[in-house]
Amino acid sequence: MMKIDDANPALELIKLSIGDPTVFGNFPPADHVVEAVVEQLRGGKKNGYAKSVGYDESREALAKFYSLPTSKLTSDDVIIASGCSGALDLAIGALCGAGQNLLMPAPGFSLYKTLASAKGVETRSYRCLPEKGWSIDLAHLESLVDANTAAIIVTNPSNPCGSNFSKEHIVEIVALASKLKIPIIADEIYSDMVYSGADFTPIAAIESDVPVLACGGLAKRWLVPGWRVGWVLVRDKNGVLAKEVKGALINLSQLILGACTVAQAAIPAILEATPQVFYDTCKANLKASAELCYTALSKVSALNPVMPEAAMYMMVGIDVAQLKDVKDDSEFCVKLLAEQSVFCLPGSVFDQLNYFRIVTTVPGEKMTIAMERMATFCADHAA
């Protein structure tokens, strides 16, 4: 097990492990976002409990912001939750029951498995292909389906991969879900955080009969994960999920009383007036950091970085045959921490052996040092 205390005390610890953009202070929220919350605090009217599904005006604002030509939303289609994690918990609980199974990506966010197993739901991991920009191996996904498959989780853009699926691939995913008659839980917390020059395509942008529970939140795009505001968007224009699933979401939202009231009350102002330059600057900084990492690690023969297109992560392959005394990704990360005080998460955490994940929100100077230390580590352990 990796522990921070195992880091080399002679070197400053550099954490490339935590998907929190606020850690180093170089990804601050927009001033307008902060002022929107301050205004709610000063107003003094949002200090009590809200409805379990969230304030009506906040749900209306989200419905307007996320409506698509293929999927119009009303406030009744929006459930506000305690962060995107809370939204995912609601979505999994509403669609999946004990004894059923849920399909999730590999590599994939480990929380999916935690949330599902707590409900007696089995998870089955379908492959995503690094040589194809982490696109889904649809044949493998289909092979995992049986009569007890309740839903498919699609993570786009991806944690941990930093991938962004093309519109053509989204069409293929939706077509397969339609063929299998299985609903989709779309984890879109990194929606629009795409810096490759391509567009982000929401699952629900594709004309289809597939019902989608799309999960998102303020955490990443607006850089305020600690505010704990997320949401589920019920995209079900054909009524496939009927009243039972929406009713289940409402009932489950009553287990705890939802998101921070002051932060969720600020949603209408945040969505309406956050300047485009804020989004553009964030994406430009993420792109620069990703390119720095990719360029540096591509020069290390034992490492095979996969250039990300979105979000704040990069997966890096390890050729353990080129390294002595390093048998797998876990040992690589443990020894990297102990010798070079660089903390990364092994790919096995995400169900992807012999890779590790880098968080790309670290300031440039620290990131450069971290890349140099990784190169030194690989040189020290060269077979």
Protein backbone atom coordinates (compact mmCIF):
# COMPACT_ATOMS: atom_id res chain seq x y z
CA MET A 1 0.00 0.00 0.00
CA MET A 2 1.30 3.47 -0.92
CA LYS A 3 1.65 6.01 1.87
CA ILE A 4 2.78 9.63 1.63
CA ASP A 5 5.09 8.99 4.58
CA ASP A 6 7.11 6.67 2.34
CA ALA A 7 8.30 9.59 0.19
CA ASN A 8 11.98 10.48 0.04
CA PRO A 9 12.41 13.13 2.80
CA ALA A 10 15.34 14.69 0.95
CA LEU A 11 13.10 15.83 -1.91
CA GLU A 12 9.99 17.98 -1.98
CA LEU A 13 6.92 15.79 -2.46
CA ILE A 14 5.12 16.40 -5.77
CA LYS A 15 1.60 15.00 -5.85
CA LEU A 16 0.37 14.04 -9.30
CA SER A 17 -2.36 11.93 -7.76
CA ILE A 18 -5.31 14.06 -6.65
CA GLY A 19 -7.99 15.11 -9.15
CA ASP A 20 -8.59 18.38 -7.32
CA PRO A 21 -7.81 21.45 -9.45
CA THR A 22 -7.66 23.73 -6.40
CA VAL A 23 -4.67 22.12 -4.66
CA PHE A 24 -1.92 24.38 -6.04
CA GLY A 25 -3.91 27.58 -6.50
CA ASN A 26 -3.15 27.88 -10.22
CA PHE A 27 -6.71 26.97 -11.30
CA PRO A 28 -8.89 29.44 -9.36
CA PRO A 29 -12.63 29.77 -10.00
CA ALA A 30 -13.89 32.77 -11.92
CA ASP A 31 -14.46 35.89 -9.82
CA HIS A 32 -18.06 35.89 -10.97
CA VAL A 33 -18.60 32.38 -9.61
CA VAL A 34 -17.29 33.40 -6.20
CA GLU A 35 -19.38 36.57 -6.17
CA ALA A 36 -22.51 34.58 -7.02
CA VAL A 37 -22.08 32.59 -3.80
CA VAL A 38 -21.12 35.66 -1.75
CA GLU A 39 -24.33 37.32 -2.89
CA GLN A 40 -26.36 34.37 -1.65
CA LEU A 41 -24.53 34.44 1.69
CA ARG A 42 -25.17 38.14 2.15
CA GLY A 43 -28.82 37.73 1.21
CA GLY A 44 -29.29 35.39 4.16
CA LYS A 45 -32.22 33.56 2.57
CA LYS A 46 -30.51 30.27 1.70
CA ASN A 47 -29.22 29.18 5.09
CA GLY A 48 -31.93 26.62 5.76
CA TYR A 49 -32.84 23.30 4.18
CA ALA A 50 -33.76 23.11 0.51
CA LYS A 51 -36.07 20.61 -1.16
CA SER A 52 -34.29 17.29 -1.44
CA VAL A 53 -34.24 17.60 -5.24
CA GLY A 54 -32.90 21.16 -5.10
CA TYR A 55 -34.20 24.69 -5.48
CA ASP A 56 -36.73 25.11 -8.28
CA GLU A 57 -34.94 28.11 -9.80
CA SER A 58 -31.62 26.24 -9.86
CA ARG A 59 -33.20 23.22 -11.52
CA GLU A 60 -34.85 25.48 -14.10
CA ALA A 61 -31.50 27.12 -14.87
CA LEU A 62 -29.83 23.72 -15.34
CA ALA A 63 -32.67 22.50 -17.56
CA LYS A 64 -32.27 25.57 -19.77
CA PHE A 65 -28.46 25.36 -19.86
CA TYR A 66 -28.32 21.66 -20.73
CA SER A 67 -31.31 21.35 -23.06
CA LEU A 68 -30.40 20.02 -26.50
CA PRO A 69 -32.31 19.96 -29.80
CA THR A 70 -32.54 16.19 -29.32
CA SER A 71 -33.34 16.37 -25.60
CA LYS A 72 -35.33 19.25 -24.17
CA LEU A 73 -35.37 19.39 -20.37
CA THR A 74 -37.68 20.89 -17.79
CA SER A 75 -36.97 21.46 -14.10
CA ASP A 76 -38.77 18.17 -13.38
CA ASP A 77 -35.97 16.38 -15.27
CA VAL A 78 -33.27 17.71 -12.91
CA ILE A 79 -32.27 16.36 -9.50
CA ILE A 80 -29.59 18.32 -7.63
CA ALA A 81 -27.25 16.16 -5.55
CA SER A 82 -24.25 16.39 -3.25
CA GLY A 83 -21.59 16.56 -5.93
CA CYS A 84 -21.33 14.43 -9.05
CA SER A 85 -20.49 11.49 -6.78
CA GLY A 86 -23.88 11.92 -5.14
CA ALA A 87 -25.50 12.16 -8.57
CA LEU A 88 -23.87 8.91 -9.64
CA ASP A 89 -25.04 7.24 -6.44
CA LEU A 90 -28.62 8.32 -7.20
CA ALA A 91 -28.41 7.15 -10.82
CA ILE A 92 -26.97 3.74 -9.96
CA GLY A 93 -29.48 3.28 -7.15
CA ALA A 94 -32.42 4.20 -9.37
CA LEU A 95 -31.48 1.88 -12.24
CA CYS A 96 -29.75 -1.08 -10.55
CA GLY A 97 -30.86 -3.53 -7.91
CA ALA A 98 -29.22 -6.29 -5.93
CA GLY A 99 -28.32 -9.25 -8.13
CA GLN A 100 -28.08 -7.16 -11.29
CA ASN A 101 -24.91 -6.04 -13.04
CA LEU A 102 -23.59 -2.71 -14.22
CA LEU A 103 -21.11 -2.25 -17.08
CA MET A 104 -18.27 0.21 -16.47
CA PRO A 105 -15.13 1.24 -18.37
CA ALA A 106 -11.62 -0.08 -17.82
CA PRO A 107 -9.73 2.09 -17.17
CA GLY A 108 -12.49 3.60 -15.09
CA PHE A 109 -13.26 5.64 -11.99
CA SER A 110 -13.12 3.23 -9.05
CA LEU A 111 -16.05 4.94 -7.30
CA TYR A 112 -18.47 3.22 -9.71
CA LYS A 113 -17.54 -0.16 -8.27
CA THR A 114 -17.76 1.12 -4.69
CA LEU A 115 -21.23 2.58 -5.18
CA ALA A 116 -22.51 -0.50 -7.01
CA SER A 117 -21.14 -3.09 -4.58
CA ALA A 118 -22.74 -1.26 -1.65
CA LYS A 119 -26.09 -1.99 -3.33
CA GLY A 120 -25.35 -5.64 -4.10
CA VAL A 121 -24.78 -4.83 -7.76
CA GLU A 122 -22.03 -6.60 -9.69
CA THR A 123 -19.74 -4.51 -11.92
CA ARG A 124 -18.32 -5.81 -15.19
CA SER A 125 -15.53 -3.86 -16.87
CA TYR A 126 -15.44 -3.34 -20.62
CA ARG A 127 -12.16 -2.48 -22.31
CA CYS A 128 -11.16 0.95 -23.55
CA LEU A 129 -8.37 0.89 -26.13
CA PRO A 130 -5.30 3.13 -25.63
CA GLU A 131 -4.17 2.66 -29.23
CA LYS A 132 -7.51 4.12 -30.35
CA GLY A 133 -7.63 7.14 -28.04
CA TRP A 134 -9.26 5.05 -25.29
CA SER A 135 -12.37 4.42 -27.38
CA ILE A 136 -14.63 1.61 -26.18
CA ASP A 137 -14.15 -1.95 -27.41
CA LEU A 138 -17.83 -2.32 -28.29
CA ALA A 139 -17.59 -6.02 -29.10
CA HIS A 140 -16.13 -6.67 -25.65
CA LEU A 141 -18.83 -4.55 -24.03
CA GLU A 142 -21.55 -6.50 -25.80
CA SER A 143 -20.01 -9.81 -24.70
CA LEU A 144 -20.52 -8.83 -21.04
CA VAL A 145 -24.26 -8.28 -21.35
CA ASP A 146 -26.80 -10.73 -20.00
CA ALA A 147 -30.41 -10.67 -18.81
CA ASN A 148 -29.33 -9.06 -15.52
CA THR A 149 -27.48 -6.11 -17.05
CA ALA A 150 -29.21 -2.99 -15.72
CA ALA A 151 -27.17 -0.12 -17.21
CA ILE A 152 -23.99 0.96 -18.96
CA ILE A 153 -21.79 3.70 -17.52
CA VAL A 154 -20.12 5.82 -20.21
CA THR A 155 -17.49 8.27 -18.95
CA ASN A 156 -16.76 11.03 -21.43
CA PRO A 157 -14.48 12.93 -21.14
CA SER A 158 -12.67 10.33 -19.10
CA ASN A 159 -11.14 10.09 -15.69
CA PRO A 160 -8.48 8.59 -15.74
CA CYS A 161 -7.74 8.72 -19.47
CA GLY A 162 -8.34 12.33 -20.46
CA SER A 163 -10.03 11.06 -23.62
CA ASN A 164 -12.85 12.68 -25.58
CA PHE A 165 -14.94 10.43 -27.81
CA SER A 166 -15.67 11.57 -31.34
CA LYS A 167 -19.26 12.14 -32.37
CA GLU A 168 -18.99 9.07 -34.60
CA HIS A 169 -17.99 6.90 -31.65
CA ILE A 170 -20.81 8.31 -29.51
CA VAL A 171 -23.21 7.33 -32.31
CA GLU A 172 -21.80 3.77 -32.20
CA ILE A 173 -22.18 3.58 -28.41
CA VAL A 174 -25.77 4.82 -28.48
CA ALA A 175 -26.65 2.45 -31.35
CA LEU A 176 -25.35 -0.52 -29.36
CA ALA A 177 -27.26 0.54 -26.22
CA SER A 178 -30.39 0.83 -28.34
CA LYS A 179 -29.84 -2.62 -29.82
CA LEU A 180 -29.31 -4.09 -26.34
CA LYS A 181 -32.19 -2.07 -24.85
CA ILE A 182 -30.04 -0.94 -21.92
CA PRO A 183 -30.08 2.59 -20.47
CA ILE A 184 -26.91 4.68 -20.13
CA ILE A 185 -25.53 6.46 -17.09
CA ALA A 186 -23.43 9.23 -18.65
CA ASP A 187 -20.72 10.56 -16.35
CA GLU A 188 -20.18 13.95 -17.99
CA ILE A 189 -18.59 15.84 -15.10
CA TYR A 190 -15.81 16.95 -17.49
CA SER A 191 -18.21 18.04 -20.24
CA ASP A 192 -16.75 20.74 -22.48
CA MET A 193 -13.30 20.58 -20.81
CA VAL A 194 -11.92 19.56 -24.21
CA TYR A 195 -8.75 21.20 -25.52
CA SER A 196 -7.82 19.06 -28.54
CA GLY A 197 -9.71 21.24 -31.01
CA ALA A 198 -12.52 18.70 -31.28
CA ASP A 199 -15.99 19.20 -29.81
CA PHE A 200 -17.56 17.49 -26.84
CA THR A 201 -20.62 15.44 -27.81
CA PRO A 202 -23.06 14.64 -25.00
CA ILE A 203 -24.61 11.19 -25.17
CA ALA A 204 -28.05 12.78 -25.38
CA ALA A 205 -27.05 14.82 -28.45
CA ILE A 206 -27.61 11.68 -30.53
CA GLU A 207 -31.17 11.11 -31.68
CA SER A 208 -32.16 7.78 -30.09
CA ASP A 209 -34.65 5.86 -28.00
CA VAL A 210 -31.99 5.17 -25.35
CA PRO A 211 -32.81 6.73 -21.96
CA VAL A 212 -29.88 8.52 -20.35
CA LEU A 213 -29.22 9.64 -16.79
CA ALA A 214 -26.52 12.27 -17.30
CA CYS A 215 -24.48 13.19 -14.23
CA GLY A 216 -22.53 16.40 -13.83
CA GLY A 217 -21.67 19.14 -11.38
CA LEU A 218 -19.83 22.36 -10.60
CA ALA A 219 -16.68 20.59 -9.39
CA LYS A 220 -14.49 20.44 -12.48
CA ARG A 221 -15.69 22.82 -15.19
CA TRP A 222 -16.14 25.61 -12.63
CA LEU A 223 -13.18 24.45 -10.47
CA VAL A 224 -15.02 24.24 -7.13
CA PRO A 225 -15.13 20.56 -6.07
CA GLY A 226 -15.49 21.39 -2.39
CA TRP A 227 -18.81 23.14 -2.94
CA ARG A 228 -20.42 19.71 -3.44
CA VAL A 229 -23.01 20.54 -6.08
CA GLY A 230 -23.92 17.93 -8.68
CA TRP A 231 -26.95 16.91 -10.69
CA VAL A 232 -28.73 14.16 -12.56
CA LEU A 233 -30.39 15.09 -15.84
CA VAL A 234 -33.15 12.65 -16.79
CA ARG A 235 -33.08 12.44 -20.58
CA ASP A 236 -35.97 10.16 -21.51
CA LYS A 237 -38.10 11.78 -24.20
CA ASN A 238 -39.85 8.50 -25.08
CA GLY A 239 -40.79 7.72 -21.49
CA VAL A 240 -38.86 4.45 -21.49
CA LEU A 241 -37.93 4.84 -17.83
CA ALA A 242 -41.52 5.75 -16.98
CA LYS A 243 -42.40 7.24 -13.61
CA GLU A 244 -40.70 4.56 -11.56
CA VAL A 245 -37.10 5.65 -12.20
CA LYS A 246 -37.77 9.34 -11.75
CA GLY A 247 -39.72 8.50 -8.61
CA ALA A 248 -36.80 6.41 -7.39
CA LEU A 249 -34.43 9.33 -7.94
CA ILE A 250 -36.69 11.60 -5.92
CA ASN A 251 -37.04 9.05 -3.13
CA LEU A 252 -33.30 8.41 -2.99
CA SER A 253 -32.60 12.15 -2.90
CA GLN A 254 -34.49 12.26 0.40
CA LEU A 255 -31.99 9.98 2.16
CA ILE A 256 -29.79 13.03 2.73
CA LEU A 257 -30.82 16.61 2.11
CA GLY A 258 -28.81 17.22 -1.03
CA ALA A 259 -26.24 19.84 -1.96
CA CYS A 260 -25.02 22.91 -0.10
CA THR A 261 -27.91 25.37 -0.27
CA VAL A 262 -25.83 28.52 -0.72
CA ALA A 263 -23.80 27.02 -3.58
CA GLN A 264 -26.79 25.53 -5.39
CA ALA A 265 -28.71 28.78 -5.05
CA ALA A 266 -25.90 30.44 -7.01
CA ILE A 267 -26.33 28.08 -9.98
CA PRO A 268 -28.48 30.41 -12.12
CA ALA A 269 -25.93 33.24 -11.87
CA ILE A 270 -22.99 30.88 -12.41
CA LEU A 271 -24.47 29.37 -15.57
CA GLU A 272 -25.67 32.64 -17.01
CA ALA A 273 -22.70 34.91 -16.58
CA THR A 274 -19.44 32.93 -16.29
CA PRO A 275 -17.35 34.55 -19.06
CA GLN A 276 -16.17 32.43 -21.97
CA VAL A 277 -12.60 33.59 -21.37
CA PHE A 278 -12.62 31.68 -18.07
CA TYR A 279 -13.40 28.40 -19.82
CA ASP A 280 -10.92 29.11 -22.61
CA THR A 281 -8.10 29.94 -20.22
CA CYS A 282 -8.68 26.80 -18.17
CA LYS A 283 -8.58 24.60 -21.26
CA ALA A 284 -5.48 26.34 -22.63
CA ASN A 285 -3.65 25.76 -19.35
CA LEU A 286 -4.67 22.09 -19.26
CA LYS A 287 -3.49 21.64 -22.84
CA ALA A 288 -0.12 23.24 -22.11
CA SER A 289 0.40 21.01 -19.10
CA ALA A 290 -0.59 17.87 -21.00
CA GLU A 291 1.78 18.74 -23.84
CA LEU A 292 4.61 19.35 -21.36
CA CYS A 293 4.09 15.90 -19.82
CA TYR A 294 3.68 14.13 -23.14
CA THR A 295 6.79 15.69 -24.67
CA ALA A 296 8.95 14.88 -21.66
CA LEU A 297 7.76 11.32 -21.10
CA SER A 298 7.85 10.41 -24.80
CA LYS A 299 11.64 10.68 -24.53
CA VAL A 300 11.76 7.94 -21.86
CA SER A 301 11.92 4.58 -23.62
CA ALA A 302 10.28 2.65 -20.78
CA LEU A 303 7.25 4.93 -20.77
CA ASN A 304 4.44 5.31 -23.28
CA PRO A 305 2.26 8.35 -22.55
CA VAL A 306 -1.12 8.57 -24.27
CA MET A 307 -1.77 12.20 -25.19
CA PRO A 308 -5.07 13.30 -23.61
CA GLU A 309 -7.66 15.47 -25.29
CA ALA A 310 -9.72 16.64 -22.33
CA ALA A 311 -10.20 16.76 -18.57
CA MET A 312 -7.15 16.89 -16.27
CA TYR A 313 -5.50 13.48 -16.57
CA MET A 314 -3.01 11.48 -18.61
CA MET A 315 -2.41 7.73 -18.60
CA VAL A 316 1.16 6.56 -19.10
CA GLY A 317 2.07 3.01 -20.09
CA ILE A 318 5.05 1.25 -18.48
CA ASP A 319 7.22 -1.25 -20.33
CA VAL A 320 8.31 -3.21 -17.27
CA ALA A 321 10.58 -5.39 -19.44
CA GLN A 322 12.88 -2.36 -19.74
CA LEU A 323 13.10 -1.92 -15.96
CA LYS A 324 14.85 -3.98 -13.33
CA ASP A 325 13.30 -4.52 -9.92
CA VAL A 326 9.93 -3.20 -11.16
CA LYS A 327 7.45 -5.98 -11.79
CA ASP A 328 4.25 -3.96 -12.35
CA ASP A 329 2.57 -0.55 -12.11
CA SER A 330 2.04 -0.75 -8.37
CA GLU A 331 5.71 -1.39 -7.67
CA PHE A 332 6.65 1.38 -10.13
CA CYS A 333 4.56 3.93 -8.23
CA VAL A 334 5.70 2.76 -4.79
CA LYS A 335 9.38 2.98 -5.74
CA LEU A 336 8.91 6.27 -7.62
CA LEU A 337 7.44 7.75 -4.43
CA ALA A 338 10.16 6.31 -2.18
CA GLU A 339 13.07 7.34 -4.40
CA GLN A 340 11.92 10.49 -6.19
CA SER A 341 9.03 11.79 -4.02
CA VAL A 342 6.64 11.85 -6.98
CA PHE A 343 3.21 10.46 -6.09
CA CYS A 344 1.15 8.93 -8.93
CA LEU A 345 -1.69 6.44 -8.84
CA PRO A 346 -1.02 3.03 -10.42
CA GLY A 347 -3.23 1.99 -13.32
CA SER A 348 -4.41 -1.06 -11.39
CA VAL A 349 -6.48 1.35 -9.26
CA PHE A 350 -8.45 2.00 -12.45
CA ASP A 351 -8.39 -1.61 -13.69
CA GLN A 352 -5.59 -0.96 -16.19
CA LEU A 353 -2.39 -2.86 -15.44
CA ASN A 354 1.06 -1.41 -16.17
CA TYR A 355 -0.07 2.16 -16.55
CA PHE A 356 -0.09 5.08 -14.14
CA ARG A 357 -2.17 8.24 -14.02
CA ILE A 358 -0.87 11.80 -13.94
CA VAL A 359 -3.01 14.75 -12.85
CA THR A 360 -2.20 17.66 -15.16
CA THR A 361 -3.24 20.59 -12.94
CA VAL A 362 0.19 20.81 -11.27
CA PRO A 363 2.00 24.14 -11.96
CA GLY A 364 4.49 24.05 -14.82
CA GLU A 365 7.67 24.36 -12.73
CA LYS A 366 6.67 21.51 -10.41
CA MET A 367 5.50 19.43 -13.34
CA THR A 368 8.83 19.88 -15.12
CA ILE A 369 10.67 18.72 -12.02
CA ALA A 370 8.36 15.72 -11.70
CA MET A 371 8.99 14.72 -15.31
CA GLU A 372 12.75 14.98 -14.79
CA ARG A 373 12.52 12.79 -11.70
CA MET A 374 10.53 10.16 -13.59
CA ALA A 375 13.21 10.08 -16.29
CA THR A 376 15.89 9.73 -13.62
CA PHE A 377 13.96 6.92 -11.96
CA CYS A 378 13.65 5.00 -15.23
CA ALA A 379 17.34 5.51 -15.97
CA ASP A 380 18.26 4.27 -12.48
CA HIS A 381 16.17 1.14 -13.02
CA ALA A 382 17.01 0.49 -16.67
CA ALA A 383 17.39 -3.23 -17.31
